[in-house]
Amino acid sequence: MVTSIRATLKRKFLAGLIVSIPAVITILVIVWFFEFVDGILGTVYNKMLGYNVPGLGFISAIFLIFLIGIISTNVFGKKLIEFFEKAVVRIPVFKGIYTAVKQLVDGFSPENKGSFKRFVIVEYPRAGSYSFGFLTKEWTVKTDRDGRESYLRAVYIPTNHLYFGDIVLFRDSEVFYTDIPIEEGIKTILSGGIAAPSRISESKE
């Protein structure tokens, strides 16, 4: 009887723990993000007003991002952004950093023609070991000696969340094109594979 009660309590406790951990982590991340963003502009308001107003910096940051979104979607805003980008890429150090980060972030936008094309599976980093990746580019490589052409596929394989990874070239026959959309592929990577469907089919479309 006592053993049965202990087993029941243990199961209930573990069930509550499993439910609570994601919720607690999510709340902690939201609180950290709120404090981080609020702290950036909050110090400016503190100096201007002479006292602290919690959340004012965060609200201002959200409004600023929304305003940038509005500006970037009209003709004048696009010209302004183009001017800013041209000015940034002229600076040697910032050119490489800004261009690389922008291309990577744009890669997750379905509206961008240079975005990730497909969510794929490749045999990497060794034989018998497979990894999820994003198809980014396709090349035709011509060999000078015999004139033969090879078709290579560039696959971005995240190794640390999404924004860090390896670019690996594969032959077309070595790439398994899944039927998973890019958005679902991103969820799969972020969840450590948990969000991946139990059955994945090949799709050439």
N, C-alpha and C. Protein backbone atom coordinates (compact mmCIF):
# COMPACT_ATOMS: atom_id res chain seq x y z
N MET A 1 0.84 -1.21 0.00
CA MET A 1 0.00 0.00 0.00
C MET A 1 0.87 1.26 0.00
N VAL A 2 1.84 1.30 0.92
CA VAL A 2 2.73 2.45 1.01
C VAL A 2 3.57 2.58 -0.26
N THR A 3 4.03 1.43 -0.79
CA THR A 3 4.84 1.43 -2.02
C THR A 3 4.03 1.96 -3.20
N SER A 4 2.75 1.58 -3.26
CA SER A 4 1.87 2.04 -4.33
C SER A 4 1.65 3.55 -4.25
N ILE A 5 1.48 4.05 -3.04
CA ILE A 5 1.28 5.50 -2.85
C ILE A 5 2.54 6.27 -3.26
N ARG A 6 3.71 5.74 -2.87
CA ARG A 6 4.98 6.38 -3.24
C ARG A 6 5.16 6.42 -4.75
N ALA A 7 4.83 5.30 -5.41
CA ALA A 7 4.96 5.22 -6.87
C ALA A 7 4.03 6.22 -7.55
N THR A 8 2.80 6.34 -7.02
CA THR A 8 1.83 7.28 -7.59
C THR A 8 2.31 8.72 -7.41
N LEU A 9 2.78 9.04 -6.20
CA LEU A 9 3.28 10.38 -5.93
C LEU A 9 4.49 10.71 -6.80
N LYS A 10 5.36 9.71 -7.01
CA LYS A 10 6.54 9.91 -7.84
C LYS A 10 6.15 10.21 -9.28
N ARG A 11 5.16 9.45 -9.81
CA ARG A 11 4.70 9.69 -11.18
C ARG A 11 4.07 11.07 -11.33
N LYS A 12 3.27 11.45 -10.34
CA LYS A 12 2.62 12.76 -10.40
C LYS A 12 3.64 13.88 -10.32
N PHE A 13 4.66 13.68 -9.47
CA PHE A 13 5.69 14.71 -9.33
C PHE A 13 6.48 14.85 -10.63
N LEU A 14 6.87 13.73 -11.24
CA LEU A 14 7.62 13.77 -12.50
C LEU A 14 6.78 14.38 -13.61
N ALA A 15 5.47 14.06 -13.62
CA ALA A 15 4.59 14.65 -14.63
C ALA A 15 4.52 16.16 -14.47
N GLY A 16 4.40 16.60 -13.21
CA GLY A 16 4.37 18.05 -12.96
C GLY A 16 5.68 18.72 -13.31
N LEU A 17 6.78 18.00 -13.05
CA LEU A 17 8.11 18.55 -13.36
C LEU A 17 8.29 18.71 -14.86
N ILE A 18 7.85 17.71 -15.62
CA ILE A 18 7.99 17.76 -17.08
C ILE A 18 7.18 18.91 -17.67
N VAL A 19 6.00 19.15 -17.09
CA VAL A 19 5.15 20.24 -17.57
C VAL A 19 5.71 21.59 -17.14
N SER A 20 6.27 21.66 -15.94
CA SER A 20 6.72 22.93 -15.37
C SER A 20 8.01 23.45 -15.99
N ILE A 21 8.95 22.55 -16.29
CA ILE A 21 10.27 22.98 -16.77
C ILE A 21 10.18 23.82 -18.04
N PRO A 22 9.47 23.39 -19.10
CA PRO A 22 9.36 24.26 -20.30
C PRO A 22 8.72 25.60 -20.00
N ALA A 23 7.69 25.59 -19.13
CA ALA A 23 7.00 26.84 -18.80
C ALA A 23 7.93 27.79 -18.05
N VAL A 24 8.68 27.24 -17.08
CA VAL A 24 9.60 28.07 -16.29
C VAL A 24 10.70 28.63 -17.17
N ILE A 25 11.28 27.78 -18.03
CA ILE A 25 12.35 28.23 -18.92
C ILE A 25 11.84 29.32 -19.86
N THR A 26 10.61 29.13 -20.39
CA THR A 26 10.02 30.14 -21.28
C THR A 26 9.83 31.47 -20.57
N ILE A 27 9.33 31.42 -19.33
CA ILE A 27 9.13 32.64 -18.55
C ILE A 27 10.46 33.33 -18.27
N LEU A 28 11.49 32.54 -17.93
CA LEU A 28 12.81 33.11 -17.65
C LEU A 28 13.41 33.78 -18.89
N VAL A 29 13.22 33.14 -20.05
CA VAL A 29 13.73 33.72 -21.30
C VAL A 29 13.01 35.03 -21.61
N ILE A 30 11.68 35.04 -21.42
CA ILE A 30 10.90 36.26 -21.69
C ILE A 30 11.32 37.38 -20.74
N VAL A 31 11.49 37.04 -19.46
CA VAL A 31 11.91 38.04 -18.47
C VAL A 31 13.30 38.57 -18.80
N TRP A 32 14.21 37.66 -19.17
CA TRP A 32 15.57 38.10 -19.53
C TRP A 32 15.55 39.01 -20.75
N PHE A 33 14.76 38.63 -21.77
CA PHE A 33 14.67 39.45 -22.98
C PHE A 33 14.07 40.81 -22.66
N PHE A 34 13.03 40.83 -21.81
CA PHE A 34 12.40 42.08 -21.41
C PHE A 34 13.41 42.99 -20.70
N GLU A 35 14.14 42.42 -19.75
CA GLU A 35 15.11 43.21 -19.00
C GLU A 35 16.26 43.68 -19.88
N PHE A 36 16.69 42.82 -20.82
CA PHE A 36 17.79 43.18 -21.71
C PHE A 36 17.41 44.34 -22.62
N VAL A 37 16.25 44.24 -23.28
CA VAL A 37 15.80 45.29 -24.19
C VAL A 37 15.45 46.55 -23.42
N ASP A 38 14.79 46.38 -22.29
CA ASP A 38 14.41 47.54 -21.47
C ASP A 38 15.64 48.27 -20.95
N GLY A 39 16.71 47.52 -20.66
CA GLY A 39 17.92 48.13 -20.14
C GLY A 39 18.67 48.96 -21.17
N ILE A 40 18.51 48.63 -22.45
CA ILE A 40 19.22 49.37 -23.50
C ILE A 40 18.73 50.80 -23.59
N LEU A 41 17.41 50.98 -23.72
CA LEU A 41 16.84 52.32 -23.83
C LEU A 41 16.43 52.88 -22.47
N GLY A 42 16.29 51.99 -21.47
CA GLY A 42 15.87 52.45 -20.16
C GLY A 42 16.85 53.41 -19.52
N THR A 43 18.16 53.17 -19.74
CA THR A 43 19.17 54.07 -19.17
C THR A 43 19.07 55.47 -19.77
N VAL A 44 18.70 55.53 -21.05
CA VAL A 44 18.54 56.84 -21.71
C VAL A 44 17.39 57.60 -21.08
N TYR A 45 16.26 56.92 -20.86
CA TYR A 45 15.10 57.56 -20.25
C TYR A 45 15.38 57.96 -18.80
N ASN A 46 16.17 57.13 -18.10
CA ASN A 46 16.51 57.46 -16.71
C ASN A 46 17.25 58.80 -16.62
N LYS A 47 18.16 59.02 -17.57
CA LYS A 47 18.93 60.27 -17.59
C LYS A 47 18.05 61.45 -17.99
N MET A 48 17.11 61.19 -18.91
CA MET A 48 16.24 62.26 -19.38
C MET A 48 15.19 62.65 -18.33
N LEU A 49 14.57 61.61 -17.72
CA LEU A 49 13.48 61.88 -16.77
C LEU A 49 13.97 62.05 -15.34
N GLY A 50 15.12 61.48 -15.04
CA GLY A 50 15.64 61.57 -13.68
C GLY A 50 15.15 60.48 -12.76
N TYR A 51 14.29 59.59 -13.25
CA TYR A 51 13.80 58.46 -12.45
C TYR A 51 13.50 57.29 -13.38
N ASN A 52 13.40 56.10 -12.80
CA ASN A 52 13.22 54.87 -13.57
C ASN A 52 11.74 54.57 -13.80
N VAL A 53 11.41 54.26 -15.06
CA VAL A 53 10.05 53.84 -15.41
C VAL A 53 10.16 52.44 -16.00
N PRO A 54 9.92 51.38 -15.23
CA PRO A 54 10.06 50.01 -15.72
C PRO A 54 9.19 49.74 -16.96
N GLY A 55 9.79 49.17 -17.98
CA GLY A 55 9.04 48.80 -19.17
C GLY A 55 9.02 49.85 -20.26
N LEU A 56 9.41 51.08 -19.93
CA LEU A 56 9.37 52.16 -20.92
C LEU A 56 10.37 51.90 -22.05
N GLY A 57 11.54 51.41 -21.69
CA GLY A 57 12.54 51.10 -22.71
C GLY A 57 12.10 49.97 -23.61
N PHE A 58 11.45 48.96 -23.04
CA PHE A 58 10.97 47.81 -23.81
C PHE A 58 9.88 48.23 -24.79
N ILE A 59 8.93 49.03 -24.30
CA ILE A 59 7.85 49.50 -25.16
C ILE A 59 8.40 50.36 -26.29
N SER A 60 9.40 51.19 -25.97
CA SER A 60 10.01 52.03 -27.00
C SER A 60 10.72 51.19 -28.05
N ALA A 61 11.39 50.10 -27.61
CA ALA A 61 12.09 49.22 -28.54
C ALA A 61 11.11 48.54 -29.49
N ILE A 62 9.97 48.06 -28.94
CA ILE A 62 8.95 47.43 -29.77
C ILE A 62 8.40 48.43 -30.79
N PHE A 63 8.12 49.65 -30.32
CA PHE A 63 7.62 50.69 -31.21
C PHE A 63 8.64 51.03 -32.30
N LEU A 64 9.92 51.08 -31.91
CA LEU A 64 10.98 51.40 -32.87
C LEU A 64 11.10 50.33 -33.94
N ILE A 65 11.03 49.05 -33.53
CA ILE A 65 11.10 47.95 -34.50
C ILE A 65 9.90 48.00 -35.44
N PHE A 66 8.72 48.28 -34.89
CA PHE A 66 7.51 48.39 -35.71
C PHE A 66 7.64 49.55 -36.69
N LEU A 67 8.21 50.67 -36.24
CA LEU A 67 8.40 51.84 -37.10
C LEU A 67 9.38 51.53 -38.23
N ILE A 68 10.46 50.80 -37.89
CA ILE A 68 11.43 50.41 -38.92
C ILE A 68 10.77 49.51 -39.96
N GLY A 69 9.88 48.62 -39.49
CA GLY A 69 9.15 47.74 -40.41
C GLY A 69 8.28 48.52 -41.38
N ILE A 70 7.62 49.56 -40.87
CA ILE A 70 6.78 50.41 -41.73
C ILE A 70 7.64 51.15 -42.74
N ILE A 71 8.75 51.72 -42.27
CA ILE A 71 9.62 52.50 -43.15
C ILE A 71 10.24 51.61 -44.24
N SER A 72 10.63 50.39 -43.86
CA SER A 72 11.32 49.51 -44.80
C SER A 72 10.42 48.94 -45.89
N THR A 73 9.10 49.11 -45.74
CA THR A 73 8.18 48.57 -46.73
C THR A 73 7.68 49.60 -47.73
N ASN A 74 8.15 50.85 -47.61
CA ASN A 74 7.76 51.84 -48.63
C ASN A 74 8.99 52.24 -49.46
N VAL A 75 8.75 52.94 -50.52
CA VAL A 75 9.81 53.28 -51.47
C VAL A 75 10.91 54.12 -50.82
N PHE A 76 10.51 55.14 -50.08
CA PHE A 76 11.49 56.01 -49.44
C PHE A 76 12.33 55.23 -48.43
N GLY A 77 11.66 54.37 -47.66
CA GLY A 77 12.36 53.57 -46.66
C GLY A 77 13.37 52.62 -47.29
N LYS A 78 13.00 52.01 -48.40
CA LYS A 78 13.91 51.09 -49.07
C LYS A 78 15.16 51.82 -49.58
N LYS A 79 14.94 53.03 -50.10
CA LYS A 79 16.08 53.83 -50.57
C LYS A 79 16.98 54.21 -49.40
N LEU A 80 16.36 54.51 -48.26
CA LEU A 80 17.12 54.89 -47.08
C LEU A 80 17.95 53.70 -46.56
N ILE A 81 17.35 52.53 -46.58
CA ILE A 81 18.06 51.33 -46.14
C ILE A 81 19.19 50.97 -47.10
N GLU A 82 18.93 51.13 -48.39
CA GLU A 82 19.98 50.88 -49.39
C GLU A 82 21.17 51.82 -49.18
N PHE A 83 20.86 53.09 -48.88
CA PHE A 83 21.92 54.07 -48.62
C PHE A 83 22.72 53.66 -47.38
N PHE A 84 22.02 53.21 -46.33
CA PHE A 84 22.69 52.78 -45.10
C PHE A 84 23.57 51.56 -45.37
N GLU A 85 23.06 50.61 -46.13
CA GLU A 85 23.83 49.40 -46.42
C GLU A 85 25.08 49.72 -47.24
N LYS A 86 24.94 50.62 -48.21
CA LYS A 86 26.09 51.01 -49.02
C LYS A 86 27.16 51.68 -48.16
N ALA A 87 26.70 52.47 -47.18
CA ALA A 87 27.66 53.14 -46.29
C ALA A 87 28.36 52.13 -45.39
N VAL A 88 27.62 51.12 -44.92
CA VAL A 88 28.19 50.13 -44.02
C VAL A 88 29.21 49.24 -44.74
N VAL A 89 28.87 48.80 -45.96
CA VAL A 89 29.76 47.87 -46.67
C VAL A 89 31.06 48.54 -47.13
N ARG A 90 31.13 49.85 -47.04
CA ARG A 90 32.37 50.54 -47.37
C ARG A 90 33.39 50.47 -46.24
N ILE A 91 32.91 50.13 -45.06
CA ILE A 91 33.80 49.99 -43.90
C ILE A 91 34.34 48.57 -43.89
N PRO A 92 35.64 48.36 -44.03
CA PRO A 92 36.22 47.02 -44.17
C PRO A 92 35.78 46.01 -43.11
N VAL A 93 35.82 46.38 -41.84
CA VAL A 93 35.49 45.44 -40.78
C VAL A 93 34.00 45.11 -40.76
N PHE A 94 33.17 46.14 -40.87
CA PHE A 94 31.73 45.95 -40.79
C PHE A 94 31.16 45.28 -42.04
N LYS A 95 31.85 45.42 -43.17
CA LYS A 95 31.35 44.86 -44.42
C LYS A 95 31.13 43.36 -44.31
N GLY A 96 32.16 42.64 -43.86
CA GLY A 96 32.06 41.18 -43.78
C GLY A 96 31.04 40.73 -42.76
N ILE A 97 31.02 41.40 -41.60
CA ILE A 97 30.09 41.00 -40.53
C ILE A 97 28.65 41.28 -40.94
N TYR A 98 28.38 42.51 -41.41
CA TYR A 98 27.02 42.90 -41.76
C TYR A 98 26.47 42.06 -42.90
N THR A 99 27.28 41.85 -43.93
CA THR A 99 26.83 41.08 -45.10
C THR A 99 26.52 39.65 -44.73
N ALA A 100 27.40 39.03 -43.94
CA ALA A 100 27.19 37.63 -43.56
C ALA A 100 25.95 37.46 -42.70
N VAL A 101 25.79 38.35 -41.71
CA VAL A 101 24.63 38.27 -40.81
C VAL A 101 23.34 38.53 -41.57
N LYS A 102 23.35 39.52 -42.46
CA LYS A 102 22.15 39.87 -43.22
C LYS A 102 21.72 38.72 -44.13
N GLN A 103 22.68 38.11 -44.82
CA GLN A 103 22.35 37.00 -45.70
C GLN A 103 21.81 35.82 -44.93
N LEU A 104 22.38 35.57 -43.74
CA LEU A 104 21.91 34.45 -42.94
C LEU A 104 20.51 34.69 -42.41
N VAL A 105 20.26 35.90 -41.91
CA VAL A 105 18.92 36.23 -41.40
C VAL A 105 17.90 36.23 -42.53
N ASP A 106 18.28 36.78 -43.68
CA ASP A 106 17.38 36.80 -44.84
C ASP A 106 17.07 35.39 -45.32
N GLY A 107 17.98 34.47 -45.01
CA GLY A 107 17.79 33.09 -45.46
C GLY A 107 16.54 32.46 -44.90
N PHE A 108 16.04 32.95 -43.76
CA PHE A 108 14.86 32.38 -43.15
C PHE A 108 13.58 33.06 -43.62
N SER A 109 13.70 34.00 -44.53
CA SER A 109 12.53 34.70 -45.04
C SER A 109 12.03 34.02 -46.31
N PRO A 110 10.80 33.49 -46.31
CA PRO A 110 10.26 32.83 -47.50
C PRO A 110 10.10 33.78 -48.68
N GLU A 111 9.99 35.08 -48.40
CA GLU A 111 9.79 36.06 -49.47
C GLU A 111 11.09 36.41 -50.18
N ASN A 112 12.19 36.05 -49.59
CA ASN A 112 13.49 36.37 -50.17
C ASN A 112 13.90 35.31 -51.18
N LYS A 113 14.26 35.71 -52.38
CA LYS A 113 14.65 34.77 -53.42
C LYS A 113 15.95 34.05 -53.06
N GLY A 114 16.73 34.66 -52.20
CA GLY A 114 17.98 34.03 -51.81
C GLY A 114 17.84 33.24 -50.53
N SER A 115 16.59 32.95 -50.14
CA SER A 115 16.35 32.26 -48.88
C SER A 115 16.67 30.77 -49.01
N PHE A 116 16.62 30.09 -47.88
CA PHE A 116 16.82 28.65 -47.90
C PHE A 116 15.75 28.01 -48.78
N LYS A 117 16.18 27.12 -49.64
CA LYS A 117 15.27 26.58 -50.65
C LYS A 117 14.51 25.35 -50.17
N ARG A 118 15.23 24.43 -49.52
CA ARG A 118 14.60 23.19 -49.07
C ARG A 118 15.16 22.74 -47.73
N PHE A 119 14.38 21.97 -47.01
CA PHE A 119 14.86 21.33 -45.78
C PHE A 119 15.25 19.91 -46.15
N VAL A 120 16.50 19.56 -45.94
CA VAL A 120 17.02 18.30 -46.47
C VAL A 120 17.69 17.47 -45.37
N ILE A 121 18.01 16.23 -45.74
CA ILE A 121 18.78 15.33 -44.89
C ILE A 121 20.00 14.87 -45.67
N VAL A 122 21.17 14.95 -45.06
CA VAL A 122 22.41 14.55 -45.73
C VAL A 122 23.23 13.66 -44.80
N GLU A 123 24.08 12.86 -45.40
CA GLU A 123 24.97 11.99 -44.63
C GLU A 123 26.18 12.81 -44.20
N TYR A 124 26.16 13.23 -42.94
CA TYR A 124 27.18 14.14 -42.42
C TYR A 124 27.15 14.09 -40.89
N PRO A 125 28.28 14.16 -40.21
CA PRO A 125 29.65 14.48 -40.66
C PRO A 125 30.49 13.26 -41.07
N ARG A 126 29.91 12.07 -40.96
CA ARG A 126 30.65 10.87 -41.36
C ARG A 126 29.66 9.87 -41.95
N ALA A 127 30.18 8.85 -42.58
CA ALA A 127 29.34 7.81 -43.19
C ALA A 127 28.50 7.12 -42.12
N GLY A 128 27.22 6.98 -42.41
CA GLY A 128 26.32 6.35 -41.46
C GLY A 128 25.71 7.29 -40.45
N SER A 129 26.12 8.56 -40.48
CA SER A 129 25.58 9.58 -39.57
C SER A 129 24.87 10.64 -40.40
N TYR A 130 23.64 10.97 -40.06
CA TYR A 130 22.83 11.87 -40.88
C TYR A 130 22.49 13.15 -40.12
N SER A 131 22.35 14.25 -40.87
CA SER A 131 22.06 15.56 -40.29
C SER A 131 20.98 16.27 -41.09
N PHE A 132 20.19 17.09 -40.38
CA PHE A 132 19.25 17.98 -41.04
C PHE A 132 20.01 19.19 -41.57
N GLY A 133 19.54 19.76 -42.67
CA GLY A 133 20.18 20.95 -43.21
C GLY A 133 19.23 21.71 -44.12
N PHE A 134 19.71 22.86 -44.60
CA PHE A 134 18.93 23.70 -45.49
C PHE A 134 19.68 23.86 -46.82
N LEU A 135 19.02 23.55 -47.91
CA LEU A 135 19.61 23.75 -49.23
C LEU A 135 19.68 25.25 -49.52
N THR A 136 20.86 25.75 -49.83
CA THR A 136 21.03 27.18 -50.04
C THR A 136 21.39 27.56 -51.47
N LYS A 137 22.13 26.70 -52.15
CA LYS A 137 22.62 27.07 -53.48
C LYS A 137 22.86 25.83 -54.32
N GLU A 138 22.77 26.01 -55.65
CA GLU A 138 23.05 24.93 -56.58
C GLU A 138 24.07 25.41 -57.59
N TRP A 139 25.07 24.56 -57.87
CA TRP A 139 26.13 24.93 -58.79
C TRP A 139 26.34 23.87 -59.85
N THR A 140 26.83 24.34 -60.99
CA THR A 140 27.30 23.45 -62.04
C THR A 140 28.80 23.66 -62.15
N VAL A 141 29.57 22.64 -61.82
CA VAL A 141 31.03 22.74 -61.83
C VAL A 141 31.56 21.99 -63.04
N LYS A 142 32.32 22.70 -63.86
CA LYS A 142 32.89 22.11 -65.07
C LYS A 142 34.36 21.79 -64.85
N THR A 143 34.73 20.56 -65.17
CA THR A 143 36.11 20.12 -65.04
C THR A 143 36.87 20.47 -66.31
N ASP A 144 38.00 21.17 -66.19
CA ASP A 144 38.75 21.63 -67.35
C ASP A 144 39.40 20.48 -68.12
N ARG A 145 39.79 19.43 -67.44
CA ARG A 145 40.54 18.36 -68.09
C ARG A 145 39.71 17.62 -69.14
N ASP A 146 38.55 17.14 -68.76
CA ASP A 146 37.73 16.36 -69.70
C ASP A 146 36.43 17.05 -70.07
N GLY A 147 36.19 18.22 -69.51
CA GLY A 147 35.00 18.99 -69.89
C GLY A 147 33.71 18.49 -69.25
N ARG A 148 33.81 17.54 -68.36
CA ARG A 148 32.60 17.02 -67.72
C ARG A 148 32.05 18.02 -66.70
N GLU A 149 30.75 17.95 -66.49
CA GLU A 149 30.09 18.86 -65.55
C GLU A 149 29.56 18.09 -64.35
N SER A 150 29.74 18.68 -63.18
CA SER A 150 29.22 18.09 -61.95
C SER A 150 28.23 19.05 -61.32
N TYR A 151 27.17 18.49 -60.77
CA TYR A 151 26.14 19.31 -60.14
C TYR A 151 26.27 19.18 -58.63
N LEU A 152 26.57 20.30 -57.98
CA LEU A 152 26.77 20.30 -56.54
C LEU A 152 25.68 21.11 -55.85
N ARG A 153 25.38 20.71 -54.64
CA ARG A 153 24.37 21.38 -53.83
C ARG A 153 25.01 21.86 -52.53
N ALA A 154 24.85 23.13 -52.22
CA ALA A 154 25.37 23.68 -50.97
C ALA A 154 24.30 23.53 -49.89
N VAL A 155 24.66 22.89 -48.80
CA VAL A 155 23.72 22.65 -47.70
C VAL A 155 24.27 23.29 -46.43
N TYR A 156 23.45 24.14 -45.82
CA TYR A 156 23.82 24.76 -44.55
C TYR A 156 23.34 23.86 -43.43
N ILE A 157 24.28 23.38 -42.61
CA ILE A 157 23.97 22.45 -41.52
C ILE A 157 24.19 23.16 -40.19
N PRO A 158 23.12 23.53 -39.48
CA PRO A 158 23.28 24.22 -38.19
C PRO A 158 23.98 23.32 -37.18
N THR A 159 24.95 23.87 -36.49
CA THR A 159 25.66 23.12 -35.45
C THR A 159 25.43 23.72 -34.07
N ASN A 160 24.91 24.95 -34.02
CA ASN A 160 24.61 25.60 -32.74
C ASN A 160 23.37 26.45 -32.94
N HIS A 161 22.21 25.88 -32.61
CA HIS A 161 20.91 26.52 -32.85
C HIS A 161 20.75 26.74 -34.36
N LEU A 162 20.65 27.99 -34.81
CA LEU A 162 20.42 28.25 -36.23
C LEU A 162 21.50 29.09 -36.88
N TYR A 163 22.07 30.02 -36.12
CA TYR A 163 22.94 31.02 -36.72
C TYR A 163 24.41 30.63 -36.76
N PHE A 164 24.73 29.40 -36.39
CA PHE A 164 26.09 28.91 -36.52
C PHE A 164 26.03 27.52 -37.15
N GLY A 165 26.88 27.28 -38.12
CA GLY A 165 26.84 25.98 -38.78
C GLY A 165 27.91 25.84 -39.84
N ASP A 166 27.81 24.77 -40.59
CA ASP A 166 28.78 24.47 -41.64
C ASP A 166 28.11 24.51 -43.00
N ILE A 167 28.87 24.94 -44.01
CA ILE A 167 28.42 24.88 -45.40
C ILE A 167 29.14 23.71 -46.05
N VAL A 168 28.38 22.72 -46.48
CA VAL A 168 28.97 21.50 -47.04
C VAL A 168 28.39 21.28 -48.44
N LEU A 169 29.26 20.90 -49.38
CA LEU A 169 28.84 20.65 -50.76
C LEU A 169 28.58 19.17 -50.97
N PHE A 170 27.44 18.85 -51.59
CA PHE A 170 27.07 17.47 -51.86
C PHE A 170 26.66 17.31 -53.32
N ARG A 171 26.80 16.10 -53.83
CA ARG A 171 26.21 15.79 -55.13
C ARG A 171 24.71 15.68 -54.96
N ASP A 172 23.98 15.88 -56.03
CA ASP A 172 22.52 15.87 -55.95
C ASP A 172 22.01 14.53 -55.44
N SER A 173 22.66 13.46 -55.82
CA SER A 173 22.24 12.12 -55.40
C SER A 173 22.47 11.88 -53.91
N GLU A 174 23.28 12.72 -53.28
CA GLU A 174 23.60 12.57 -51.86
C GLU A 174 22.67 13.38 -50.95
N VAL A 175 21.75 14.11 -51.56
CA VAL A 175 20.83 14.97 -50.80
C VAL A 175 19.44 14.36 -50.80
N PHE A 176 18.87 14.18 -49.61
CA PHE A 176 17.50 13.68 -49.48
C PHE A 176 16.59 14.88 -49.26
N TYR A 177 15.74 15.16 -50.24
CA TYR A 177 14.85 16.30 -50.18
C TYR A 177 13.57 15.91 -49.44
N THR A 178 13.38 16.48 -48.26
CA THR A 178 12.22 16.12 -47.45
C THR A 178 10.98 16.90 -47.89
N ASP A 179 9.83 16.44 -47.38
CA ASP A 179 8.57 17.15 -47.64
C ASP A 179 8.25 18.13 -46.51
N ILE A 180 9.25 18.43 -45.67
CA ILE A 180 9.05 19.33 -44.53
C ILE A 180 9.28 20.78 -44.98
N PRO A 181 8.32 21.69 -44.76
CA PRO A 181 8.51 23.10 -45.12
C PRO A 181 9.65 23.73 -44.31
N ILE A 182 10.18 24.84 -44.81
CA ILE A 182 11.29 25.53 -44.13
C ILE A 182 10.91 25.91 -42.70
N GLU A 183 9.70 26.44 -42.52
CA GLU A 183 9.27 26.87 -41.19
C GLU A 183 9.26 25.70 -40.21
N GLU A 184 8.77 24.54 -40.67
CA GLU A 184 8.75 23.36 -39.82
C GLU A 184 10.17 22.84 -39.59
N GLY A 185 11.03 23.03 -40.60
CA GLY A 185 12.42 22.62 -40.46
C GLY A 185 13.13 23.42 -39.37
N ILE A 186 12.82 24.72 -39.31
CA ILE A 186 13.40 25.57 -38.27
C ILE A 186 12.94 25.10 -36.89
N LYS A 187 11.66 24.76 -36.77
CA LYS A 187 11.14 24.25 -35.50
C LYS A 187 11.84 22.94 -35.12
N THR A 188 12.10 22.12 -36.12
CA THR A 188 12.76 20.84 -35.88
C THR A 188 14.16 21.05 -35.31
N ILE A 189 14.90 22.02 -35.89
CA ILE A 189 16.25 22.31 -35.41
C ILE A 189 16.22 22.87 -34.00
N LEU A 190 15.33 23.83 -33.75
CA LEU A 190 15.26 24.49 -32.44
C LEU A 190 14.81 23.53 -31.34
N SER A 191 14.01 22.53 -31.71
CA SER A 191 13.50 21.58 -30.71
C SER A 191 14.43 20.39 -30.52
N GLY A 192 15.57 20.40 -31.21
CA GLY A 192 16.49 19.28 -31.09
C GLY A 192 15.97 18.02 -31.76
N GLY A 193 15.09 18.18 -32.74
CA GLY A 193 14.55 17.05 -33.48
C GLY A 193 13.22 16.55 -32.95
N ILE A 194 12.79 17.05 -31.79
CA ILE A 194 11.55 16.58 -31.18
C ILE A 194 10.34 16.94 -32.05
N ALA A 195 10.39 18.12 -32.68
CA ALA A 195 9.25 18.59 -33.47
C ALA A 195 9.18 17.93 -34.85
N ALA A 196 10.17 17.12 -35.20
CA ALA A 196 10.17 16.46 -36.50
C ALA A 196 9.06 15.43 -36.57
N PRO A 197 8.38 15.31 -37.70
CA PRO A 197 7.32 14.31 -37.83
C PRO A 197 7.89 12.90 -37.73
N SER A 198 7.07 11.96 -37.28
CA SER A 198 7.52 10.57 -37.11
C SER A 198 7.80 9.90 -38.44
N ARG A 199 7.22 10.43 -39.50
CA ARG A 199 7.43 9.87 -40.84
C ARG A 199 7.79 11.00 -41.80
N ILE A 200 8.94 10.90 -42.43
CA ILE A 200 9.41 11.92 -43.37
C ILE A 200 9.48 11.32 -44.77
N SER A 201 8.83 11.97 -45.71
CA SER A 201 8.81 11.47 -47.09
C SER A 201 9.71 12.30 -47.97
N GLU A 202 10.15 11.72 -49.05
CA GLU A 202 11.01 12.44 -50.01
C GLU A 202 10.13 13.22 -50.97
N SER A 203 10.55 14.42 -51.29
CA SER A 203 9.82 15.26 -52.22
C SER A 203 10.80 15.99 -53.10
N LYS A 204 10.65 15.85 -54.42
CA LYS A 204 11.53 16.50 -55.39
C LYS A 204 10.98 17.83 -55.85
N GLU A 205 9.78 18.18 -55.43
CA GLU A 205 9.16 19.43 -55.87
C GLU A 205 9.73 20.62 -55.13
